[in-house]
C-alpha atoms as a PDB file:
ATOM      1  CA  MET A   1    -260.772 196.922  70.507  1.00  0.00           C
ATOM      2  CA  LYS A   2    -259.102 194.498  68.177  1.00  0.00           C
ATOM      3  CA  LYS A   3    -257.752 191.179  69.414  1.00  0.00           C
ATOM      4  CA  LEU A   4    -254.346 192.049  68.003  1.00  0.00           C
ATOM      5  CA  PHE A   5    -254.191 195.255  70.026  1.00  0.00           C
ATOM      6  CA  PHE A   6    -255.034 193.292  73.179  1.00  0.00           C
ATOM      7  CA  TYR A   7    -252.033 191.056  72.603  1.00  0.00           C
ATOM      8  CA  LEU A   8    -249.719 194.043  72.222  1.00  0.00           C
ATOM      9  CA  CYS A   9    -250.971 195.530  75.493  1.00  0.00           C
ATOM     10  CA  PHE A  10    -250.432 192.174  77.189  1.00  0.00           C
ATOM     11  CA  LEU A  11    -246.976 191.919  75.672  1.00  0.00           C
ATOM     12  CA  PHE A  12    -245.909 195.116  77.388  1.00  0.00           C
ATOM     13  CA  LEU A  13    -246.894 193.660  80.759  1.00  0.00           C
ATOM     14  CA  ILE A  14    -244.348 190.851  80.500  1.00  0.00           C
ATOM     15  CA  LEU A  15    -241.389 192.720  79.020  1.00  0.00           C
ATOM     16  CA  SER A  16    -238.280 191.301  80.655  1.00  0.00           C
ATOM     17  CA  CYS A  17    -236.342 194.569  80.637  1.00  0.00           C
ATOM     18  CA  SER A  18    -233.874 195.617  83.283  1.00  0.00           C
ATOM     19  CA  LYS A  19    -235.286 199.134  83.002  1.00  0.00           C
ATOM     20  CA  ILE A  20    -238.708 199.748  81.562  1.00  0.00           C
ATOM     21  CA  GLN A  21    -239.290 203.378  80.670  1.00  0.00           C
ATOM     22  CA  PRO A  22    -242.130 203.575  78.152  1.00  0.00           C
ATOM     23  CA  VAL A  23    -242.222 206.736  76.094  1.00  0.00           C
ATOM     24  CA  GLU A  24    -245.283 205.953  74.022  1.00  0.00           C
ATOM     25  CA  THR A  25    -247.274 202.769  74.540  1.00  0.00           C
ATOM     26  CA  ASN A  26    -250.737 201.418  73.780  1.00  0.00           C
ATOM     27  CA  GLN A  27    -251.112 203.655  70.755  1.00  0.00           C
ATOM     28  CA  THR A  28    -252.183 203.057  67.187  1.00  0.00           C
ATOM     29  CA  ASP A  29    -251.963 205.207  64.109  1.00  0.00           C
ATOM     30  CA  GLY A  30    -254.803 205.870  61.708  1.00  0.00           C
ATOM     31  CA  ALA A  31    -254.426 202.406  60.199  1.00  0.00           C
ATOM     32  CA  ASP A  32    -254.784 200.607  63.543  1.00  0.00           C
ATOM     33  CA  THR A  33    -251.102 199.709  63.639  1.00  0.00           C
ATOM     34  CA  PRO A  34    -249.723 199.227  67.160  1.00  0.00           C
ATOM     35  CA  SER A  35    -246.644 201.436  67.466  1.00  0.00           C
ATOM     36  CA  LEU A  36    -243.960 200.950  70.098  1.00  0.00           C
ATOM     37  CA  SER A  37    -241.456 203.501  71.286  1.00  0.00           C
ATOM     38  CA  CYS A  38    -239.600 202.760  74.498  1.00  0.00           C
ATOM     39  CA  ASP A  39    -236.225 202.515  76.190  1.00  0.00           C
ATOM     40  CA  CYS A  40    -236.153 198.838  77.036  1.00  0.00           C
ATOM     41  CA  GLU A  41    -234.010 195.851  76.202  1.00  0.00           C
ATOM     42  CA  GLN A  42    -236.319 192.968  75.342  1.00  0.00           C
ATOM     43  CA  LEU A  43    -239.637 192.517  73.584  1.00  0.00           C
ATOM     44  CA  TYR A  44    -240.040 188.907  74.489  1.00  0.00           C
ATOM     45  CA  GLY A  45    -242.589 186.137  74.522  1.00  0.00           C
ATOM     46  CA  GLY A  46    -240.993 184.726  77.650  1.00  0.00           C
ATOM     47  CA  SER A  47    -237.842 184.658  79.756  1.00  0.00           C
ATOM     48  CA  SER A  48    -235.911 181.605  80.980  1.00  0.00           C
ATOM     49  CA  LYS A  49    -238.526 179.232  79.573  1.00  0.00           C
ATOM     50  CA  PRO A  50    -239.858 181.049  76.522  1.00  0.00           C
ATOM     51  CA  LYS A  51    -243.610 181.151  76.204  1.00  0.00           C
ATOM     52  CA  VAL A  52    -244.764 181.907  72.690  1.00  0.00           C
ATOM     53  CA  ILE A  53    -247.220 184.779  72.394  1.00  0.00           C
ATOM     54  CA  ASN A  54    -249.584 184.608  69.463  1.00  0.00           C
ATOM     55  CA  ILE A  55    -250.443 187.832  67.616  1.00  0.00           C
ATOM     56  CA  ASP A  56    -253.309 186.987  65.287  1.00  0.00           C
ATOM     57  CA  GLY A  57    -254.900 189.783  63.291  1.00  0.00           C
ATOM     58  CA  GLY A  58    -257.734 187.646  61.954  1.00  0.00           C
ATOM     59  CA  ASN A  59    -256.905 188.486  58.333  1.00  0.00           C
ATOM     60  CA  ASP A  60    -257.362 192.199  59.019  1.00  0.00           C
ATOM     61  CA  SER A  61    -255.500 194.954  57.144  1.00  0.00           C
ATOM     62  CA  ILE A  62    -253.218 195.870  60.028  1.00  0.00           C
ATOM     63  CA  ASN A  63    -249.569 195.486  60.979  1.00  0.00           C
ATOM     64  CA  ALA A  64    -248.664 193.174  63.832  1.00  0.00           C
ATOM     65  CA  LEU A  65    -245.730 195.066  65.289  1.00  0.00           C
ATOM     66  CA  ALA A  66    -244.337 198.477  64.319  1.00  0.00           C
ATOM     67  CA  ILE A  67    -241.202 199.803  66.006  1.00  0.00           C
ATOM     68  CA  ASN A  68    -240.220 203.399  65.298  1.00  0.00           C
ATOM     69  CA  ASN A  69    -239.676 206.820  66.892  1.00  0.00           C
ATOM     70  CA  LYS A  70    -235.997 206.642  67.915  1.00  0.00           C
ATOM     71  CA  VAL A  71    -235.861 203.094  69.220  1.00  0.00           C
ATOM     72  CA  SER A  72    -232.548 201.267  69.524  1.00  0.00           C
ATOM     73  CA  ASP A  73    -230.843 198.388  71.383  1.00  0.00           C
ATOM     74  CA  PHE A  74    -233.685 195.870  71.564  1.00  0.00           C
ATOM     75  CA  GLU A  75    -234.515 192.187  71.161  1.00  0.00           C
ATOM     76  CA  ILE A  76    -237.623 190.539  69.673  1.00  0.00           C
ATOM     77  CA  ALA A  77    -238.088 186.825  70.294  1.00  0.00           C
ATOM     78  CA  HIS A  78    -240.606 183.980  70.623  1.00  0.00           C
ATOM     79  CA  LEU A  79    -243.531 185.660  68.907  1.00  0.00           C
ATOM     80  CA  GLN A  80    -246.001 183.925  66.624  1.00  0.00           C
ATOM     81  CA  ILE A  81    -247.440 186.441  64.175  1.00  0.00           C
ATOM     82  CA  GLU A  82    -250.113 185.482  61.669  1.00  0.00           C
ATOM     83  CA  ASN A  83    -253.018 186.694  59.565  1.00  0.00           C
ATOM     84  CA  VAL A  84    -251.994 190.357  59.336  1.00  0.00           C
ATOM     85  CA  GLU A  85    -251.064 192.722  56.512  1.00  0.00           C
ATOM     86  CA  LEU A  86    -247.429 193.137  57.637  1.00  0.00           C
ATOM     87  CA  GLY A  87    -245.611 191.143  60.301  1.00  0.00           C
ATOM     88  CA  ILE A  88    -242.744 193.107  61.862  1.00  0.00           C
ATOM     89  CA  HIS A  89    -242.025 196.644  60.657  1.00  0.00           C
ATOM     90  CA  ILE A  90    -238.900 198.374  61.974  1.00  0.00           C
ATOM     91  CA  LEU A  91    -238.200 201.807  60.559  1.00  0.00           C
ATOM     92  CA  ASN A  92    -236.865 205.016  62.071  1.00  0.00           C
ATOM     93  CA  LYS A  93    -237.588 207.909  59.748  1.00  0.00           C
ATOM     94  CA  PRO A  94    -236.069 211.269  60.627  1.00  0.00           C
ATOM     95  CA  GLY A  95    -238.059 213.978  62.352  1.00  0.00           C
ATOM     96  CA  CYS A  96    -237.538 217.718  62.465  1.00  0.00           C
ATOM     97  CA  ALA A  97    -235.162 217.495  65.430  1.00  0.00           C
ATOM     98  CA  THR A  98    -231.551 216.914  64.389  1.00  0.00           C
ATOM     99  CA  SER A  99    -231.284 214.336  67.172  1.00  0.00           C
ATOM    100  CA  SER A 100    -233.510 212.021  65.097  1.00  0.00           C
ATOM    101  CA  GLN A 101    -231.603 212.447  61.842  1.00  0.00           C
ATOM    102  CA  PHE A 102    -228.513 210.945  60.257  1.00  0.00           C
ATOM    103  CA  PRO A 103    -225.726 211.209  61.371  1.00  0.00           C
ATOM    104  CA  GLU A 104    -226.813 212.276  64.862  1.00  0.00           C
ATOM    105  CA  TRP A 105    -228.933 209.189  65.471  1.00  0.00           C
ATOM    106  CA  GLU A 106    -228.539 205.541  64.524  1.00  0.00           C
ATOM    107  CA  MET A 107    -230.498 202.396  65.303  1.00  0.00           C
ATOM    108  CA  LYS A 108    -228.145 199.728  66.632  1.00  0.00           C
ATOM    109  CA  ASN A 109    -227.799 196.411  68.449  1.00  0.00           C
ATOM    110  CA  ILE A 110    -230.996 194.703  67.313  1.00  0.00           C
ATOM    111  CA  ILE A 111    -231.633 190.981  67.788  1.00  0.00           C
ATOM    112  CA  ILE A 112    -234.614 189.240  66.162  1.00  0.00           C
ATOM    113  CA  HIS A 113    -234.763 185.495  66.701  1.00  0.00           C
ATOM    114  CA  ASN A 114    -236.980 182.450  67.181  1.00  0.00           C
ATOM    115  CA  ASN A 115    -240.145 184.013  65.775  1.00  0.00           C
ATOM    116  CA  LEU A 116    -242.780 182.458  63.536  1.00  0.00           C
ATOM    117  CA  THR A 117    -244.356 184.815  60.998  1.00  0.00           C
ATOM    118  CA  GLN A 118    -246.947 183.236  58.702  1.00  0.00           C
ATOM    119  CA  ASN A 119    -249.958 183.948  56.520  1.00  0.00           C
ATOM    120  CA  ILE A 120    -249.033 187.586  55.926  1.00  0.00           C
ATOM    121  CA  GLY A 121    -250.717 189.816  53.343  1.00  0.00           C
ATOM    122  CA  ASN A 122    -247.582 191.755  52.370  1.00  0.00           C
ATOM    123  CA  GLU A 123    -244.046 191.538  53.876  1.00  0.00           C
ATOM    124  CA  GLY A 124    -243.183 189.198  56.708  1.00  0.00           C
ATOM    125  CA  LEU A 125    -240.378 191.377  58.098  1.00  0.00           C
ATOM    126  CA  TYR A 126    -239.707 194.866  56.730  1.00  0.00           C
ATOM    127  CA  ILE A 127    -236.614 196.387  58.302  1.00  0.00           C
ATOM    128  CA  GLY A 128    -234.989 199.683  57.362  1.00  0.00           C
ATOM    129  CA  TYR A 129    -235.728 202.357  54.781  1.00  0.00           C
ATOM    130  CA  SER A 130    -235.712 200.788  51.321  1.00  0.00           C
ATOM    131  CA  LYS A 131    -234.617 203.918  49.407  1.00  0.00           C
ATOM    132  CA  PHE A 132    -230.939 204.130  50.273  1.00  0.00           C
ATOM    133  CA  LEU A 133    -229.374 207.604  49.997  1.00  0.00           C
ATOM    134  CA  GLN A 134    -232.725 209.183  49.170  1.00  0.00           C
ATOM    135  CA  PRO A 135    -233.701 211.825  51.734  1.00  0.00           C
ATOM    136  CA  VAL A 136    -237.110 212.002  53.336  1.00  0.00           C
ATOM    137  CA  ALA A 137    -239.178 215.143  52.762  1.00  0.00           C
ATOM    138  CA  LEU A 138    -240.274 216.893  55.965  1.00  0.00           C
ATOM    139  CA  ASN A 139    -242.369 219.923  56.810  1.00  0.00           C
ATOM    140  CA  CYS A 140    -240.862 221.620  59.840  1.00  0.00           C
ATOM    141  CA  ASP A 141    -242.476 224.806  61.126  1.00  0.00           C
ATOM    142  CA  GLY A 142    -243.871 225.527  57.690  1.00  0.00           C
ATOM    143  CA  SER A 143    -240.584 224.936  55.882  1.00  0.00           C
ATOM    144  CA  SER A 144    -239.943 222.026  53.532  1.00  0.00           C
ATOM    145  CA  ILE A 145    -236.655 220.250  54.203  1.00  0.00           C
ATOM    146  CA  SER A 146    -235.108 216.892  53.317  1.00  0.00           C
ATOM    147  CA  ARG A 147    -233.134 214.705  55.717  1.00  0.00           C
ATOM    148  CA  PHE A 148    -231.625 211.224  55.597  1.00  0.00           C
ATOM    149  CA  CYS A 149    -232.895 208.279  57.628  1.00  0.00           C
ATOM    150  CA  PRO A 150    -230.765 206.978  60.495  1.00  0.00           C
ATOM    151  CA  VAL A 151    -228.699 203.933  59.563  1.00  0.00           C
ATOM    152  CA  ILE A 152    -228.939 200.525  61.233  1.00  0.00           C
ATOM    153  CA  LYS A 153    -225.861 198.870  62.746  1.00  0.00           C
ATOM    154  CA  ASN A 154    -225.319 195.450  64.301  1.00  0.00           C
ATOM    155  CA  ILE A 155    -228.625 193.777  63.508  1.00  0.00           C
ATOM    156  CA  HIS A 156    -228.778 189.997  63.955  1.00  0.00           C
ATOM    157  CA  ILE A 157    -231.712 188.014  62.524  1.00  0.00           C
ATOM    158  CA  TYR A 158    -231.664 184.266  63.104  1.00  0.00           C
ATOM    159  CA  ASN A 159    -233.723 181.132  63.820  1.00  0.00           C
ATOM    160  CA  ASN A 160    -236.900 182.657  62.391  1.00  0.00           C
ATOM    161  CA  ILE A 161    -239.542 181.023  60.210  1.00  0.00           C
ATOM    162  CA  VAL A 162    -241.314 183.195  57.643  1.00  0.00           C
ATOM    163  CA  GLU A 163    -243.892 181.587  55.382  1.00  0.00           C
ATOM    164  CA  ASN A 164    -246.911 182.250  53.210  1.00  0.00           C
ATOM    165  CA  CYS A 165    -246.388 185.944  52.465  1.00  0.00           C
ATOM    166  CA  GLY A 166    -248.105 187.897  49.706  1.00  0.00           C
ATOM    167  CA  TRP A 167    -244.958 189.993  49.149  1.00  0.00           C
ATOM    168  CA  ASP A 168    -241.313 189.572  50.205  1.00  0.00           C
ATOM    169  CA  GLY A 169    -240.559 187.375  53.188  1.00  0.00           C
ATOM    170  CA  LEU A 170    -237.700 189.369  54.728  1.00  0.00           C
ATOM    171  CA  GLN A 171    -236.314 192.735  53.676  1.00  0.00           C
ATOM    172  CA  VAL A 172    -233.342 194.418  55.332  1.00  0.00           C
ATOM    173  CA  SER A 173    -232.094 197.803  54.084  1.00  0.00           C
ATOM    174  CA  TYR A 174    -229.970 200.676  55.403  1.00  0.00           C
ATOM    175  CA  ALA A 175    -228.049 198.277  57.656  1.00  0.00           C
ATOM    176  CA  THR A 176    -224.635 199.741  56.923  1.00  0.00           C
ATOM    177  CA  GLY A 177    -222.528 197.593  59.241  1.00  0.00           C
ATOM    178  CA  GLY A 178    -222.546 194.385  61.253  1.00  0.00           C
ATOM    179  CA  ALA A 179    -225.649 192.762  59.761  1.00  0.00           C
ATOM    180  CA  LYS A 180    -225.921 188.994  60.287  1.00  0.00           C
ATOM    181  CA  ILE A 181    -228.817 187.009  58.822  1.00  0.00           C
ATOM    182  CA  PHE A 182    -228.549 183.268  59.397  1.00  0.00           C
ATOM    183  CA  ASN A 183    -230.401 180.030  60.228  1.00  0.00           C
ATOM    184  CA  ASN A 184    -233.715 181.355  58.905  1.00  0.00           C
ATOM    185  CA  VAL A 185    -236.383 179.397  57.041  1.00  0.00           C
ATOM    186  CA  ILE A 186    -238.306 181.337  54.380  1.00  0.00           C
ATOM    187  CA  ASN A 187    -241.026 179.469  52.539  1.00  0.00           C
ATOM    188  CA  ALA A 188    -243.697 180.420  50.007  1.00  0.00           C
ATOM    189  CA  THR A 189    -243.353 184.173  49.468  1.00  0.00           C
ATOM    190  CA  GLY A 190    -244.546 186.494  46.705  1.00  0.00           C
ATOM    191  CA  LEU A 191    -247.884 184.719  46.605  1.00  0.00           C
ATOM    192  CA  LYS A 192    -249.631 187.809  45.186  1.00  0.00           C
ATOM    193  CA  ASN A 193    -247.199 187.668  42.253  1.00  0.00           C
ATOM    194  CA  LYS A 194    -246.453 191.388  42.315  1.00  0.00           C
ATOM    195  CA  PRO A 195    -243.385 191.836  40.049  1.00  0.00           C
ATOM    196  CA  THR A 196    -241.337 193.877  42.525  1.00  0.00           C
ATOM    197  CA  GLN A 197    -242.426 191.969  45.636  1.00  0.00           C
ATOM    198  CA  ARG A 198    -241.692 188.304  45.024  1.00  0.00           C
ATOM    199  CA  ALA A 199    -238.444 187.659  46.905  1.00  0.00           C
ATOM    200  CA  GLY A 200    -237.911 185.391  49.854  1.00  0.00           C
ATOM    201  CA  ILE A 201    -235.216 187.701  51.158  1.00  0.00           C
ATOM    202  CA  VAL A 202    -234.107 191.154  50.024  1.00  0.00           C
ATOM    203  CA  VAL A 203    -230.756 192.483  51.208  1.00  0.00           C
ATOM    204  CA  GLY A 204    -231.323 196.084  50.231  1.00  0.00           C
ATOM    205  CA  GLY A 205    -229.328 199.211  49.542  1.00  0.00           C
ATOM    206  CA  GLY A 206    -226.429 200.069  51.824  1.00  0.00           C
ATOM    207  CA  THR A 207    -226.547 196.816  53.778  1.00  0.00           C
ATOM    208  CA  ARG A 208    -223.216 195.276  54.770  1.00  0.00           C
ATOM    209  CA  GLY A 209    -222.837 192.010  56.621  1.00  0.00           C
ATOM    210  CA  ASP A 210    -223.245 188.250  56.307  1.00  0.00           C
ATOM    211  CA  VAL A 211    -226.111 186.074  55.084  1.00  0.00           C
ATOM    212  CA  TYR A 212    -225.659 182.331  55.571  1.00  0.00           C
ATOM    213  CA  VAL A 213    -227.333 179.012  56.414  1.00  0.00           C
ATOM    214  CA  LEU A 214    -230.577 180.091  54.808  1.00  0.00           C
ATOM    215  CA  TYR A 215    -233.359 177.759  53.715  1.00  0.00           C
ATOM    216  CA  LEU A 216    -235.501 179.088  50.870  1.00  0.00           C
ATOM    217  CA  ALA A 217    -238.452 177.197  49.392  1.00  0.00           C
ATOM    218  CA  MET A 218    -240.751 178.655  46.737  1.00  0.00           C
ATOM    219  CA  ALA A 219    -238.848 181.923  47.173  1.00  0.00           C
ATOM    220  CA  LEU A 220    -236.052 183.986  45.611  1.00  0.00           C
ATOM    221  CA  MET A 221    -233.126 185.921  47.066  1.00  0.00           C
ATOM    222  CA  PHE A 222    -232.335 189.458  45.908  1.00  0.00           C
ATOM    223  CA  LEU A 223    -229.167 191.388  46.676  1.00  0.00           C
ATOM    224  CA  GLY A 224    -229.520 195.089  45.935  1.00  0.00           C
END
């Protein structure tokens, strides 16, 4: 079992949630990506005196933290993520049930703060579906249908450090209201020099909110 996966299992043991009701835990997909789906309030490295938890993938081709499957109202803080293919991936794609599709479902009230993400193969933080107003193709009971991704509302990203990324440092898309991105340090991104993946921060399609007090070094900002 990979060291990274051990850290994710350990992380679940110290969740400081008022109500912990895991739906799917300790699971990986075919690419060895830990995937979280739960009804809790905090995904935290510590509580009153934060203790940083290190998630080190050892330069493996895996994601550090993937949050999907109808997750909403959560906080991620005090994590140190390094040496992985992708740092934090937050994306709710629609399923066949209407309860997982726009406009029935939305991801809301997300706080991501005081994390260090460094030495990442691709994106540091990838949040939201990057193809705004393009439906996702689904196969439901043998029928091909297309449905839109749920939108993101009230996401706050602050006091994070993102550095040494092969692709973009921070990408936020589909956040249609209440987005606040501030007091973040983004340094040395786009190191693989891929033409479409060289930004320090990407504020993608459909996103509405505020971006301020941002330190960029060896990085670009893209508003789309």
